[in-house]
Amino acid sequence: MKQTKLIVRVAMCVALLIGGQLALSSVSGIEIVTVMMLCFCFCYGIRHGIAIATTFSLLRCLVFGFQVNVIVLYLIYYNLFAVFFGWLGVRFAGKVSLAKTVLVVVFAALFTLGFTLLDDVITPLMYGFHKKAAMVYFLQSLYAVIPQTVCTVVTVSICFHPLTRVIKRFNL
């Protein structure tokens, strides 16, 4: 029964993540995946978080296409994300307060910056960019990372507490 619950939980979470990503995919720098994934990992822990992160990273390709650099980026980033925020949920005993929310917002913003920096390393390496092209790629990424980080700060600040409460209440 435990495995069935894990599979159903992962499927529901991944469906919500892909739906949220698809719904906002036409707006650059605006996304909801970070806050949703964060809440899932915080509430369900590392094991469930890794299952959700890996499944999401692979299944989203059915909607957004198979790009090797993106698959590698997502698999590395979201699994590290799941481990950290799953651990944080255990460390905070799943309880949310203002001080803990501020800390979570700061960590989420740092992870958002880390996502872009990781992409700035993975993509040039995988495509064999020369140094100048890699630098241009890095500079171009700054246009996306600023609104993404602001979006992360806003969405996590507003949605973290209510989403974790809903997840725990209904044991989604």
N, C-alpha and C. Protein backbone atom coordinates (compact mmCIF):
# COMPACT_ATOMS: atom_id res chain seq x y z
N MET A 1 0.82 -1.20 0.00
CA MET A 1 0.00 0.00 0.00
C MET A 1 0.86 1.27 0.00
N LYS A 2 2.04 1.21 0.66
CA LYS A 2 2.92 2.37 0.70
C LYS A 2 3.38 2.75 -0.71
N GLN A 3 3.73 1.75 -1.52
CA GLN A 3 4.21 2.01 -2.87
C GLN A 3 3.10 2.62 -3.74
N THR A 4 1.88 2.13 -3.56
CA THR A 4 0.75 2.66 -4.32
C THR A 4 0.54 4.12 -3.98
N LYS A 5 0.61 4.45 -2.70
CA LYS A 5 0.43 5.84 -2.27
C LYS A 5 1.54 6.72 -2.84
N LEU A 6 2.76 6.20 -2.86
CA LEU A 6 3.88 6.95 -3.42
C LEU A 6 3.65 7.21 -4.90
N ILE A 7 3.24 6.20 -5.64
CA ILE A 7 3.02 6.35 -7.08
C ILE A 7 1.91 7.35 -7.37
N VAL A 8 0.82 7.25 -6.64
CA VAL A 8 -0.31 8.17 -6.84
C VAL A 8 0.11 9.60 -6.48
N ARG A 9 0.81 9.76 -5.37
CA ARG A 9 1.25 11.08 -4.93
C ARG A 9 2.20 11.69 -5.97
N VAL A 10 3.15 10.91 -6.44
CA VAL A 10 4.09 11.40 -7.45
C VAL A 10 3.34 11.79 -8.72
N ALA A 11 2.42 10.96 -9.16
CA ALA A 11 1.65 11.25 -10.37
C ALA A 11 0.85 12.54 -10.24
N MET A 12 0.20 12.73 -9.10
CA MET A 12 -0.58 13.95 -8.89
C MET A 12 0.31 15.18 -8.87
N CYS A 13 1.42 15.09 -8.17
CA CYS A 13 2.33 16.23 -8.07
C CYS A 13 2.93 16.58 -9.43
N VAL A 14 3.35 15.57 -10.17
CA VAL A 14 3.95 15.80 -11.49
C VAL A 14 2.91 16.41 -12.44
N ALA A 15 1.70 15.92 -12.39
CA ALA A 15 0.64 16.49 -13.24
C ALA A 15 0.42 17.96 -12.92
N LEU A 16 0.41 18.30 -11.63
CA LEU A 16 0.25 19.71 -11.24
C LEU A 16 1.45 20.55 -11.68
N LEU A 17 2.65 20.01 -11.55
CA LEU A 17 3.85 20.74 -11.96
C LEU A 17 3.87 20.99 -13.47
N ILE A 18 3.59 19.95 -14.25
CA ILE A 18 3.60 20.10 -15.71
C ILE A 18 2.48 21.04 -16.15
N GLY A 19 1.32 20.91 -15.54
CA GLY A 19 0.20 21.82 -15.86
C GLY A 19 0.54 23.26 -15.53
N GLY A 20 1.15 23.49 -14.38
CA GLY A 20 1.55 24.84 -14.00
C GLY A 20 2.62 25.40 -14.92
N GLN A 21 3.57 24.56 -15.29
CA GLN A 21 4.63 25.00 -16.19
C GLN A 21 4.06 25.32 -17.57
N LEU A 22 3.16 24.48 -18.04
CA LEU A 22 2.54 24.70 -19.35
C LEU A 22 1.69 25.96 -19.36
N ALA A 23 0.93 26.17 -18.29
CA ALA A 23 0.05 27.33 -18.22
C ALA A 23 0.82 28.64 -18.29
N LEU A 24 2.02 28.67 -17.73
CA LEU A 24 2.80 29.91 -17.69
C LEU A 24 3.99 29.93 -18.66
N SER A 25 4.04 28.94 -19.55
CA SER A 25 5.22 28.81 -20.43
C SER A 25 5.35 29.95 -21.43
N SER A 26 4.30 30.64 -21.72
CA SER A 26 4.39 31.72 -22.70
C SER A 26 4.85 33.05 -22.09
N VAL A 27 4.99 33.09 -20.76
CA VAL A 27 5.41 34.32 -20.09
C VAL A 27 6.84 34.13 -19.58
N SER A 28 7.79 34.86 -20.15
CA SER A 28 9.19 34.72 -19.78
C SER A 28 9.45 35.20 -18.35
N GLY A 29 10.15 34.35 -17.58
CA GLY A 29 10.55 34.72 -16.23
C GLY A 29 9.49 34.48 -15.17
N ILE A 30 8.30 34.09 -15.56
CA ILE A 30 7.23 33.83 -14.60
C ILE A 30 7.00 32.33 -14.55
N GLU A 31 7.07 31.77 -13.35
CA GLU A 31 6.87 30.32 -13.21
C GLU A 31 6.33 29.99 -11.82
N ILE A 32 5.68 28.85 -11.74
CA ILE A 32 5.06 28.40 -10.49
C ILE A 32 5.66 27.09 -10.00
N VAL A 33 6.51 26.48 -10.84
CA VAL A 33 7.09 25.18 -10.52
C VAL A 33 7.91 25.23 -9.23
N THR A 34 8.69 26.29 -9.05
CA THR A 34 9.56 26.37 -7.88
C THR A 34 8.77 26.28 -6.58
N VAL A 35 7.75 27.09 -6.44
CA VAL A 35 6.99 27.09 -5.18
C VAL A 35 6.24 25.78 -4.99
N MET A 36 5.71 25.22 -6.07
CA MET A 36 4.98 23.95 -5.94
C MET A 36 5.93 22.81 -5.58
N MET A 37 7.05 22.70 -6.29
CA MET A 37 8.03 21.65 -6.00
C MET A 37 8.56 21.81 -4.57
N LEU A 38 8.83 23.04 -4.18
CA LEU A 38 9.33 23.32 -2.84
C LEU A 38 8.35 22.80 -1.78
N CYS A 39 7.09 23.12 -1.95
CA CYS A 39 6.07 22.69 -0.98
C CYS A 39 5.92 21.17 -0.95
N PHE A 40 5.96 20.54 -2.12
CA PHE A 40 5.87 19.08 -2.15
C PHE A 40 7.05 18.45 -1.41
N CYS A 41 8.25 18.93 -1.69
CA CYS A 41 9.45 18.37 -1.04
C CYS A 41 9.45 18.67 0.45
N PHE A 42 9.07 19.85 0.83
CA PHE A 42 9.03 20.26 2.23
C PHE A 42 8.05 19.38 3.02
N CYS A 43 6.91 19.10 2.44
CA CYS A 43 5.87 18.32 3.13
C CYS A 43 6.11 16.81 3.06
N TYR A 44 6.63 16.31 1.94
CA TYR A 44 6.74 14.86 1.75
C TYR A 44 8.12 14.29 2.03
N GLY A 45 9.14 15.14 2.10
CA GLY A 45 10.48 14.66 2.41
C GLY A 45 11.30 14.32 1.18
N ILE A 46 12.50 13.88 1.46
CA ILE A 46 13.50 13.65 0.41
C ILE A 46 13.08 12.53 -0.55
N ARG A 47 12.66 11.41 -0.03
CA ARG A 47 12.34 10.25 -0.88
C ARG A 47 11.26 10.59 -1.90
N HIS A 48 10.16 11.13 -1.42
CA HIS A 48 9.08 11.52 -2.33
C HIS A 48 9.53 12.66 -3.25
N GLY A 49 10.30 13.59 -2.70
CA GLY A 49 10.78 14.72 -3.48
C GLY A 49 11.63 14.29 -4.66
N ILE A 50 12.52 13.35 -4.43
CA ILE A 50 13.37 12.85 -5.52
C ILE A 50 12.52 12.13 -6.58
N ALA A 51 11.55 11.36 -6.13
CA ALA A 51 10.67 10.68 -7.09
C ALA A 51 9.89 11.70 -7.92
N ILE A 52 9.40 12.74 -7.29
CA ILE A 52 8.66 13.79 -7.99
C ILE A 52 9.59 14.53 -8.95
N ALA A 53 10.78 14.91 -8.47
CA ALA A 53 11.73 15.68 -9.28
C ALA A 53 12.17 14.90 -10.52
N THR A 54 12.51 13.64 -10.34
CA THR A 54 12.98 12.83 -11.46
C THR A 54 11.86 12.60 -12.47
N THR A 55 10.69 12.25 -11.99
CA THR A 55 9.56 12.00 -12.88
C THR A 55 9.18 13.27 -13.64
N PHE A 56 9.13 14.38 -12.95
CA PHE A 56 8.82 15.67 -13.59
C PHE A 56 9.87 16.00 -14.66
N SER A 57 11.13 15.84 -14.31
CA SER A 57 12.22 16.18 -15.23
C SER A 57 12.14 15.39 -16.53
N LEU A 58 11.67 14.15 -16.45
CA LEU A 58 11.60 13.30 -17.63
C LEU A 58 10.27 13.44 -18.38
N LEU A 59 9.15 13.47 -17.65
CA LEU A 59 7.85 13.51 -18.32
C LEU A 59 7.53 14.86 -18.96
N ARG A 60 8.10 15.93 -18.43
CA ARG A 60 7.84 17.24 -19.02
C ARG A 60 8.32 17.31 -20.47
N CYS A 61 9.24 16.41 -20.82
CA CYS A 61 9.76 16.35 -22.19
C CYS A 61 8.66 16.00 -23.19
N LEU A 62 7.65 15.27 -22.75
CA LEU A 62 6.55 14.91 -23.65
C LEU A 62 5.77 16.14 -24.09
N VAL A 63 5.79 17.19 -23.27
CA VAL A 63 5.10 18.43 -23.61
C VAL A 63 6.04 19.44 -24.25
N PHE A 64 7.24 19.56 -23.69
CA PHE A 64 8.16 20.63 -24.10
C PHE A 64 9.29 20.17 -25.02
N GLY A 65 9.35 18.91 -25.33
CA GLY A 65 10.38 18.40 -26.23
C GLY A 65 11.59 17.85 -25.49
N PHE A 66 12.34 17.04 -26.22
CA PHE A 66 13.51 16.37 -25.66
C PHE A 66 14.78 17.12 -26.06
N GLN A 67 15.30 17.89 -25.13
CA GLN A 67 16.57 18.58 -25.33
C GLN A 67 17.52 18.05 -24.26
N VAL A 68 18.60 17.44 -24.69
CA VAL A 68 19.48 16.74 -23.77
C VAL A 68 20.01 17.67 -22.67
N ASN A 69 20.41 18.88 -23.04
CA ASN A 69 20.94 19.79 -22.02
C ASN A 69 19.89 20.15 -20.97
N VAL A 70 18.65 20.29 -21.39
CA VAL A 70 17.57 20.61 -20.45
C VAL A 70 17.27 19.41 -19.56
N ILE A 71 17.27 18.22 -20.12
CA ILE A 71 17.03 17.02 -19.32
C ILE A 71 18.11 16.88 -18.25
N VAL A 72 19.37 17.04 -18.64
CA VAL A 72 20.47 16.95 -17.67
C VAL A 72 20.34 18.04 -16.62
N LEU A 73 20.08 19.26 -17.05
CA LEU A 73 19.90 20.38 -16.12
C LEU A 73 18.79 20.10 -15.12
N TYR A 74 17.63 19.68 -15.60
CA TYR A 74 16.49 19.42 -14.72
C TYR A 74 16.77 18.26 -13.76
N LEU A 75 17.38 17.20 -14.28
CA LEU A 75 17.67 16.04 -13.42
C LEU A 75 18.64 16.41 -12.29
N ILE A 76 19.65 17.18 -12.61
CA ILE A 76 20.60 17.59 -11.57
C ILE A 76 19.95 18.58 -10.62
N TYR A 77 19.40 19.65 -11.18
CA TYR A 77 18.87 20.75 -10.36
C TYR A 77 17.72 20.30 -9.46
N TYR A 78 16.70 19.70 -10.04
CA TYR A 78 15.51 19.39 -9.24
C TYR A 78 15.76 18.28 -8.23
N ASN A 79 16.68 17.39 -8.50
CA ASN A 79 17.00 16.38 -7.49
C ASN A 79 17.78 17.00 -6.32
N LEU A 80 18.70 17.91 -6.60
CA LEU A 80 19.37 18.64 -5.52
C LEU A 80 18.36 19.48 -4.74
N PHE A 81 17.46 20.10 -5.47
CA PHE A 81 16.39 20.91 -4.89
C PHE A 81 15.54 20.05 -3.95
N ALA A 82 15.17 18.86 -4.41
CA ALA A 82 14.35 17.94 -3.62
C ALA A 82 15.06 17.50 -2.36
N VAL A 83 16.33 17.19 -2.48
CA VAL A 83 17.11 16.77 -1.30
C VAL A 83 17.17 17.90 -0.29
N PHE A 84 17.47 19.10 -0.76
CA PHE A 84 17.62 20.22 0.18
C PHE A 84 16.30 20.58 0.86
N PHE A 85 15.24 20.79 0.07
CA PHE A 85 13.98 21.22 0.69
C PHE A 85 13.26 20.08 1.40
N GLY A 86 13.51 18.84 0.98
CA GLY A 86 13.01 17.70 1.75
C GLY A 86 13.68 17.63 3.11
N TRP A 87 15.00 17.85 3.11
CA TRP A 87 15.76 17.89 4.37
C TRP A 87 15.30 19.05 5.24
N LEU A 88 15.06 20.20 4.61
CA LEU A 88 14.62 21.38 5.36
C LEU A 88 13.26 21.15 6.01
N GLY A 89 12.37 20.46 5.30
CA GLY A 89 11.07 20.14 5.87
C GLY A 89 11.19 19.26 7.10
N VAL A 90 12.10 18.29 7.04
CA VAL A 90 12.36 17.43 8.20
C VAL A 90 12.99 18.24 9.32
N ARG A 91 13.95 19.07 8.97
CA ARG A 91 14.66 19.90 9.96
C ARG A 91 13.71 20.85 10.68
N PHE A 92 12.77 21.42 9.92
CA PHE A 92 11.78 22.33 10.51
C PHE A 92 10.58 21.58 11.08
N ALA A 93 10.64 20.27 11.08
CA ALA A 93 9.56 19.40 11.56
C ALA A 93 8.25 19.71 10.85
N GLY A 94 8.35 20.15 9.59
CA GLY A 94 7.16 20.42 8.79
C GLY A 94 6.36 21.62 9.24
N LYS A 95 6.83 22.34 10.24
CA LYS A 95 6.09 23.49 10.77
C LYS A 95 6.56 24.77 10.07
N VAL A 96 5.61 25.68 9.85
CA VAL A 96 5.89 26.91 9.14
C VAL A 96 5.65 28.09 10.08
N SER A 97 6.61 28.99 10.14
CA SER A 97 6.47 30.23 10.88
C SER A 97 6.99 31.35 9.99
N LEU A 98 6.86 32.58 10.45
CA LEU A 98 7.33 33.71 9.65
C LEU A 98 8.84 33.63 9.43
N ALA A 99 9.59 33.36 10.49
CA ALA A 99 11.05 33.26 10.37
C ALA A 99 11.46 32.13 9.43
N LYS A 100 10.78 30.98 9.52
CA LYS A 100 11.09 29.85 8.65
C LYS A 100 10.71 30.17 7.21
N THR A 101 9.60 30.88 7.03
CA THR A 101 9.19 31.26 5.67
C THR A 101 10.22 32.19 5.04
N VAL A 102 10.71 33.15 5.80
CA VAL A 102 11.74 34.05 5.28
C VAL A 102 12.98 33.26 4.86
N LEU A 103 13.38 32.31 5.68
CA LEU A 103 14.53 31.48 5.35
C LEU A 103 14.28 30.66 4.08
N VAL A 104 13.09 30.09 3.97
CA VAL A 104 12.72 29.31 2.78
C VAL A 104 12.74 30.20 1.54
N VAL A 105 12.23 31.42 1.65
CA VAL A 105 12.23 32.35 0.52
C VAL A 105 13.66 32.66 0.08
N VAL A 106 14.55 32.91 1.02
CA VAL A 106 15.95 33.19 0.70
C VAL A 106 16.58 31.99 -0.01
N PHE A 107 16.37 30.79 0.54
CA PHE A 107 16.94 29.59 -0.09
C PHE A 107 16.35 29.36 -1.48
N ALA A 108 15.05 29.59 -1.65
CA ALA A 108 14.42 29.42 -2.96
C ALA A 108 15.01 30.39 -3.98
N ALA A 109 15.24 31.63 -3.57
CA ALA A 109 15.84 32.62 -4.46
C ALA A 109 17.27 32.20 -4.85
N LEU A 110 18.02 31.70 -3.88
CA LEU A 110 19.38 31.23 -4.16
C LEU A 110 19.36 30.04 -5.12
N PHE A 111 18.42 29.13 -4.93
CA PHE A 111 18.30 27.99 -5.84
C PHE A 111 17.92 28.46 -7.25
N THR A 112 17.08 29.48 -7.34
CA THR A 112 16.70 30.00 -8.66
C THR A 112 17.92 30.57 -9.37
N LEU A 113 18.74 31.30 -8.64
CA LEU A 113 19.99 31.80 -9.21
C LEU A 113 20.90 30.63 -9.61
N GLY A 114 20.93 29.62 -8.75
CA GLY A 114 21.74 28.43 -9.02
C GLY A 114 21.30 27.69 -10.27
N PHE A 115 20.00 27.66 -10.53
CA PHE A 115 19.47 27.02 -11.73
C PHE A 115 20.07 27.65 -12.97
N THR A 116 20.06 28.98 -13.01
CA THR A 116 20.59 29.68 -14.17
C THR A 116 22.10 29.49 -14.29
N LEU A 117 22.79 29.56 -13.18
CA LEU A 117 24.24 29.38 -13.21
C LEU A 117 24.61 27.96 -13.65
N LEU A 118 23.84 26.97 -13.18
CA LEU A 118 24.07 25.59 -13.61
C LEU A 118 23.83 25.45 -15.11
N ASP A 119 22.77 26.09 -15.60
CA ASP A 119 22.50 26.08 -17.04
C ASP A 119 23.64 26.76 -17.80
N ASP A 120 24.19 27.82 -17.23
CA ASP A 120 25.29 28.54 -17.87
C ASP A 120 26.56 27.69 -17.96
N VAL A 121 26.64 26.63 -17.19
CA VAL A 121 27.77 25.70 -17.26
C VAL A 121 27.42 24.51 -18.16
N ILE A 122 26.25 23.91 -17.93
CA ILE A 122 25.87 22.68 -18.65
C ILE A 122 25.70 22.91 -20.15
N THR A 123 24.94 23.92 -20.53
CA THR A 123 24.64 24.12 -21.95
C THR A 123 25.89 24.42 -22.77
N PRO A 124 26.75 25.36 -22.36
CA PRO A 124 27.97 25.57 -23.16
C PRO A 124 28.87 24.33 -23.23
N LEU A 125 28.94 23.57 -22.15
CA LEU A 125 29.75 22.34 -22.18
C LEU A 125 29.18 21.31 -23.14
N MET A 126 27.87 21.12 -23.08
CA MET A 126 27.25 20.09 -23.92
C MET A 126 27.26 20.47 -25.41
N TYR A 127 27.16 21.76 -25.69
CA TYR A 127 27.15 22.19 -27.08
C TYR A 127 28.52 22.63 -27.59
N GLY A 128 29.53 22.58 -26.72
CA GLY A 128 30.89 22.91 -27.13
C GLY A 128 31.10 24.37 -27.47
N PHE A 129 30.46 25.27 -26.74
CA PHE A 129 30.63 26.70 -26.98
C PHE A 129 32.07 27.11 -26.74
N HIS A 130 32.54 28.05 -27.53
CA HIS A 130 33.83 28.68 -27.27
C HIS A 130 33.64 29.67 -26.12
N LYS A 131 34.74 30.18 -25.57
CA LYS A 131 34.66 31.06 -24.39
C LYS A 131 33.79 32.28 -24.63
N LYS A 132 33.92 32.92 -25.79
CA LYS A 132 33.12 34.11 -26.08
C LYS A 132 31.64 33.78 -26.17
N ALA A 133 31.32 32.67 -26.81
CA ALA A 133 29.92 32.27 -26.93
C ALA A 133 29.34 31.91 -25.56
N ALA A 134 30.14 31.26 -24.74
CA ALA A 134 29.69 30.93 -23.38
C ALA A 134 29.44 32.19 -22.57
N MET A 135 30.27 33.20 -22.75
CA MET A 135 30.09 34.46 -22.04
C MET A 135 28.82 35.18 -22.51
N VAL A 136 28.58 35.16 -23.80
CA VAL A 136 27.35 35.75 -24.34
C VAL A 136 26.13 35.01 -23.78
N TYR A 137 26.21 33.69 -23.73
CA TYR A 137 25.12 32.88 -23.19
C TYR A 137 24.86 33.27 -21.73
N PHE A 138 25.93 33.42 -20.96
CA PHE A 138 25.81 33.83 -19.56
C PHE A 138 25.16 35.21 -19.45
N LEU A 139 25.62 36.16 -20.22
CA LEU A 139 25.07 37.53 -20.15
C LEU A 139 23.60 37.56 -20.56
N GLN A 140 23.25 36.76 -21.57
CA GLN A 140 21.85 36.68 -21.99
C GLN A 140 20.96 36.09 -20.90
N SER A 141 21.52 35.18 -20.12
CA SER A 141 20.73 34.53 -19.07
C SER A 141 20.35 35.50 -17.96
N LEU A 142 21.08 36.60 -17.84
CA LEU A 142 20.77 37.59 -16.81
C LEU A 142 19.40 38.23 -17.03
N TYR A 143 18.98 38.31 -18.30
CA TYR A 143 17.67 38.88 -18.59
C TYR A 143 16.53 38.00 -18.09
N ALA A 144 16.77 36.72 -18.00
CA ALA A 144 15.74 35.80 -17.51
C ALA A 144 15.83 35.58 -16.00
N VAL A 145 17.05 35.57 -15.45
CA VAL A 145 17.22 35.23 -14.04
C VAL A 145 16.65 36.31 -13.12
N ILE A 146 16.70 37.55 -13.53
CA ILE A 146 16.19 38.62 -12.66
C ILE A 146 14.69 38.49 -12.45
N PRO A 147 13.88 38.43 -13.53
CA PRO A 147 12.43 38.26 -13.28
C PRO A 147 12.10 36.91 -12.63
N GLN A 148 12.86 35.85 -12.95
CA GLN A 148 12.61 34.55 -12.32
C GLN A 148 12.85 34.62 -10.82
N THR A 149 13.92 35.29 -10.41
CA THR A 149 14.22 35.39 -8.99
C THR A 149 13.18 36.24 -8.27
N VAL A 150 12.78 37.33 -8.89
CA VAL A 150 11.72 38.17 -8.31
C VAL A 150 10.43 37.35 -8.20
N CYS A 151 10.10 36.62 -9.25
CA CYS A 151 8.91 35.77 -9.24
C CYS A 151 8.99 34.74 -8.12
N THR A 152 10.14 34.12 -7.95
CA THR A 152 10.33 33.14 -6.89
C THR A 152 10.11 33.76 -5.52
N VAL A 153 10.70 34.92 -5.30
CA VAL A 153 10.55 35.59 -4.01
C VAL A 153 9.07 35.89 -3.74
N VAL A 154 8.37 36.40 -4.74
CA VAL A 154 6.96 36.75 -4.57
C VAL A 154 6.10 35.51 -4.37
N THR A 155 6.24 34.51 -5.25
CA THR A 155 5.37 33.34 -5.16
C THR A 155 5.62 32.52 -3.90
N VAL A 156 6.88 32.36 -3.53
CA VAL A 156 7.18 31.59 -2.32
C VAL A 156 6.71 32.36 -1.08
N SER A 157 6.90 33.67 -1.08
CA SER A 157 6.44 34.48 0.05
C SER A 157 4.94 34.38 0.25
N ILE A 158 4.22 34.42 -0.85
CA ILE A 158 2.75 34.42 -0.78
C ILE A 158 2.18 33.01 -0.64
N CYS A 159 2.73 32.05 -1.36
CA CYS A 159 2.08 30.73 -1.48
C CYS A 159 2.64 29.64 -0.58
N PHE A 160 3.84 29.79 -0.05
CA PHE A 160 4.46 28.70 0.72
C PHE A 160 3.59 28.25 1.89
N HIS A 161 3.20 29.15 2.73
CA HIS A 161 2.41 28.77 3.91
C HIS A 161 1.05 28.16 3.53
N PRO A 162 0.26 28.83 2.67
CA PRO A 162 -1.04 28.24 2.32
C PRO A 162 -0.92 26.90 1.60
N LEU A 163 0.05 26.76 0.69
CA LEU A 163 0.19 25.49 -0.04
C LEU A 163 0.61 24.35 0.88
N THR A 164 1.55 24.61 1.77
CA THR A 164 1.96 23.54 2.70
C THR A 164 0.80 23.15 3.61
N ARG A 165 0.01 24.12 3.99
CA ARG A 165 -1.15 23.83 4.85
C ARG A 165 -2.17 22.96 4.10
N VAL A 166 -2.43 23.28 2.84
CA VAL A 166 -3.37 22.49 2.03
C VAL A 166 -2.83 21.07 1.82
N ILE A 167 -1.56 20.96 1.48
CA ILE A 167 -0.96 19.64 1.24
C ILE A 167 -1.06 18.78 2.50
N LYS A 168 -0.74 19.35 3.63
CA LYS A 168 -0.80 18.59 4.89
C LYS A 168 -2.24 18.26 5.29
N ARG A 169 -3.14 19.20 5.10
CA ARG A 169 -4.53 18.99 5.50
C ARG A 169 -5.20 17.87 4.72
N PHE A 170 -4.97 17.88 3.42
CA PHE A 170 -5.61 16.87 2.58
C PHE A 170 -4.70 15.68 2.29
N ASN A 171 -3.47 15.74 2.80
CA ASN A 171 -2.49 14.67 2.61
C ASN A 171 -2.43 14.24 1.15
N LEU A 172 -2.33 15.26 0.28
CA LEU A 172 -2.31 15.01 -1.16
C LEU A 172 -1.17 14.08 -1.54
